[in-house]
Amino acid sequence: MFTAQAQAQAQAQAQAQAQAQAQAIDSYLHPCRARDLQFRACTSKQLLAESLKSWRRSIVSLEK
């Protein structure tokens, strides 16, 4: 079983990881920022999906 605290911790970790990845992508795309807004939005959705998968894996491992 996992506690609400462990769930919140896993969620915070996933959010921090997604934010760090988004910042890295943001700095990488800085020269062409204006025309790549749509690409970055798509990439952010992918990062969010990956973070959610990671978060779910964390919860599953905590439940064991």
N, C-alpha and C. Protein backbone atom coordinates (compact mmCIF):
# COMPACT_ATOMS: atom_id res chain seq x y z
N MET A 1 0.85 -1.20 0.00
CA MET A 1 0.00 0.00 0.00
C MET A 1 0.88 1.25 0.00
N PHE A 2 0.40 2.26 -0.65
CA PHE A 2 1.14 3.52 -0.64
C PHE A 2 0.33 4.56 0.11
N THR A 3 1.02 5.45 0.77
CA THR A 3 0.35 6.49 1.54
C THR A 3 0.13 7.71 0.67
N ALA A 4 -0.72 8.59 1.14
CA ALA A 4 -0.97 9.85 0.42
C ALA A 4 0.32 10.66 0.34
N GLN A 5 1.14 10.57 1.39
CA GLN A 5 2.41 11.30 1.39
C GLN A 5 3.34 10.77 0.29
N ALA A 6 3.44 9.46 0.17
CA ALA A 6 4.29 8.88 -0.87
C ALA A 6 3.76 9.22 -2.25
N GLN A 7 2.43 9.22 -2.39
CA GLN A 7 1.83 9.58 -3.68
C GLN A 7 2.14 11.03 -4.02
N ALA A 8 2.01 11.92 -3.04
CA ALA A 8 2.30 13.34 -3.26
C ALA A 8 3.77 13.53 -3.59
N GLN A 9 4.63 12.78 -2.91
CA GLN A 9 6.07 12.87 -3.17
C GLN A 9 6.40 12.40 -4.59
N ALA A 10 5.79 11.31 -5.01
CA ALA A 10 6.02 10.80 -6.37
C ALA A 10 5.51 11.80 -7.40
N GLN A 11 4.36 12.41 -7.12
CA GLN A 11 3.80 13.40 -8.05
C GLN A 11 4.71 14.63 -8.13
N ALA A 12 5.19 15.09 -6.98
CA ALA A 12 6.07 16.26 -6.96
C ALA A 12 7.37 15.96 -7.71
N GLN A 13 7.88 14.76 -7.54
CA GLN A 13 9.10 14.36 -8.24
C GLN A 13 8.87 14.33 -9.75
N ALA A 14 7.73 13.79 -10.17
CA ALA A 14 7.41 13.73 -11.60
C ALA A 14 7.25 15.14 -12.17
N GLN A 15 6.61 16.02 -11.40
CA GLN A 15 6.43 17.40 -11.87
C GLN A 15 7.77 18.11 -11.99
N ALA A 16 8.64 17.91 -11.01
CA ALA A 16 9.96 18.55 -11.05
C ALA A 16 10.77 18.03 -12.24
N GLN A 17 10.67 16.73 -12.49
CA GLN A 17 11.38 16.14 -13.63
C GLN A 17 10.85 16.70 -14.94
N ALA A 18 9.54 16.79 -15.06
CA ALA A 18 8.93 17.33 -16.29
C ALA A 18 9.32 18.79 -16.48
N GLN A 19 9.35 19.54 -15.38
CA GLN A 19 9.72 20.95 -15.48
C GLN A 19 11.17 21.10 -15.92
N ALA A 20 12.06 20.28 -15.37
CA ALA A 20 13.47 20.34 -15.75
C ALA A 20 13.65 19.98 -17.22
N GLN A 21 12.92 18.95 -17.67
CA GLN A 21 13.00 18.56 -19.08
C GLN A 21 12.46 19.67 -19.97
N ALA A 22 11.35 20.27 -19.56
CA ALA A 22 10.75 21.35 -20.36
C ALA A 22 11.70 22.54 -20.44
N GLN A 23 12.39 22.84 -19.34
CA GLN A 23 13.35 23.95 -19.35
C GLN A 23 14.53 23.64 -20.26
N ALA A 24 14.98 22.39 -20.26
CA ALA A 24 16.09 22.00 -21.13
C ALA A 24 15.68 22.14 -22.60
N ILE A 25 14.48 21.68 -22.91
CA ILE A 25 13.97 21.81 -24.28
C ILE A 25 13.80 23.28 -24.64
N ASP A 26 13.29 24.05 -23.69
CA ASP A 26 13.07 25.48 -23.92
C ASP A 26 14.38 26.18 -24.25
N SER A 27 15.43 25.89 -23.51
CA SER A 27 16.72 26.54 -23.76
C SER A 27 17.32 26.04 -25.08
N TYR A 28 17.07 24.78 -25.41
CA TYR A 28 17.57 24.24 -26.67
C TYR A 28 16.89 24.91 -27.87
N LEU A 29 15.59 25.20 -27.72
CA LEU A 29 14.82 25.77 -28.83
C LEU A 29 14.81 27.29 -28.81
N HIS A 30 15.57 27.90 -27.92
CA HIS A 30 15.52 29.35 -27.75
C HIS A 30 15.66 30.13 -29.06
N PRO A 31 16.59 29.79 -29.96
CA PRO A 31 16.77 30.60 -31.18
C PRO A 31 15.52 30.65 -32.07
N CYS A 32 14.74 29.61 -32.05
CA CYS A 32 13.56 29.58 -32.93
C CYS A 32 12.28 29.49 -32.11
N ARG A 33 12.26 30.17 -30.99
CA ARG A 33 11.15 30.07 -30.04
C ARG A 33 9.80 30.44 -30.66
N ALA A 34 9.74 31.56 -31.39
CA ALA A 34 8.44 32.05 -31.86
C ALA A 34 7.75 31.07 -32.81
N ARG A 35 8.49 30.53 -33.77
CA ARG A 35 7.83 29.67 -34.76
C ARG A 35 7.63 28.24 -34.26
N ASP A 36 8.23 27.90 -33.12
CA ASP A 36 8.12 26.53 -32.62
C ASP A 36 7.21 26.39 -31.41
N LEU A 37 6.35 27.37 -31.19
CA LEU A 37 5.46 27.29 -30.03
C LEU A 37 4.59 26.04 -30.10
N GLN A 38 4.07 25.73 -31.27
CA GLN A 38 3.21 24.56 -31.40
C GLN A 38 4.00 23.28 -31.15
N PHE A 39 5.22 23.21 -31.69
CA PHE A 39 6.07 22.05 -31.46
C PHE A 39 6.34 21.87 -29.97
N ARG A 40 6.63 22.98 -29.28
CA ARG A 40 6.93 22.89 -27.85
C ARG A 40 5.70 22.46 -27.07
N ALA A 41 4.52 22.93 -27.48
CA ALA A 41 3.30 22.50 -26.79
C ALA A 41 3.11 21.00 -26.95
N CYS A 42 3.35 20.49 -28.15
CA CYS A 42 3.26 19.06 -28.40
C CYS A 42 4.28 18.31 -27.56
N THR A 43 5.51 18.83 -27.51
CA THR A 43 6.57 18.19 -26.73
C THR A 43 6.22 18.19 -25.25
N SER A 44 5.64 19.29 -24.77
CA SER A 44 5.24 19.37 -23.37
C SER A 44 4.20 18.31 -23.04
N LYS A 45 3.27 18.09 -23.96
CA LYS A 45 2.27 17.04 -23.75
C LYS A 45 2.94 15.67 -23.67
N GLN A 46 3.93 15.44 -24.54
CA GLN A 46 4.66 14.17 -24.51
C GLN A 46 5.40 14.01 -23.18
N LEU A 47 6.03 15.09 -22.72
CA LEU A 47 6.75 15.04 -21.44
C LEU A 47 5.78 14.76 -20.30
N LEU A 48 4.61 15.40 -20.34
CA LEU A 48 3.62 15.17 -19.31
C LEU A 48 3.17 13.71 -19.31
N ALA A 49 2.93 13.17 -20.50
CA ALA A 49 2.53 11.77 -20.60
C ALA A 49 3.61 10.85 -20.04
N GLU A 50 4.87 11.14 -20.38
CA GLU A 50 5.98 10.32 -19.87
C GLU A 50 6.08 10.45 -18.35
N SER A 51 5.87 11.65 -17.83
CA SER A 51 5.93 11.85 -16.39
C SER A 51 4.81 11.10 -15.69
N LEU A 52 3.62 11.10 -16.29
CA LEU A 52 2.50 10.37 -15.70
C LEU A 52 2.78 8.87 -15.70
N LYS A 53 3.38 8.36 -16.78
CA LYS A 53 3.75 6.94 -16.81
C LYS A 53 4.75 6.63 -15.71
N SER A 54 5.75 7.51 -15.55
CA SER A 54 6.76 7.33 -14.52
C SER A 54 6.11 7.37 -13.13
N TRP A 55 5.18 8.29 -12.95
CA TRP A 55 4.47 8.44 -11.68
C TRP A 55 3.68 7.18 -11.37
N ARG A 56 2.99 6.65 -12.38
CA ARG A 56 2.23 5.41 -12.19
C ARG A 56 3.15 4.25 -11.81
N ARG A 57 4.31 4.17 -12.49
CA ARG A 57 5.28 3.11 -12.16
C ARG A 57 5.74 3.25 -10.71
N SER A 58 5.94 4.50 -10.27
CA SER A 58 6.37 4.74 -8.89
C SER A 58 5.31 4.25 -7.92
N ILE A 59 4.05 4.54 -8.22
CA ILE A 59 2.96 4.11 -7.35
C ILE A 59 2.87 2.59 -7.32
N VAL A 60 2.97 1.97 -8.48
CA VAL A 60 2.90 0.51 -8.55
C VAL A 60 4.02 -0.11 -7.71
N SER A 61 5.22 0.47 -7.82
CA SER A 61 6.34 -0.08 -7.05
C SER A 61 6.15 0.16 -5.56
N LEU A 62 5.49 1.27 -5.20
CA LEU A 62 5.22 1.53 -3.78
C LEU A 62 4.14 0.60 -3.24
N GLU A 63 3.23 0.18 -4.10
CA GLU A 63 2.15 -0.71 -3.66
C GLU A 63 2.65 -2.12 -3.38
N LYS A 64 3.77 -2.51 -3.98
CA LYS A 64 4.27 -3.88 -3.82
C LYS A 64 4.81 -4.11 -2.43
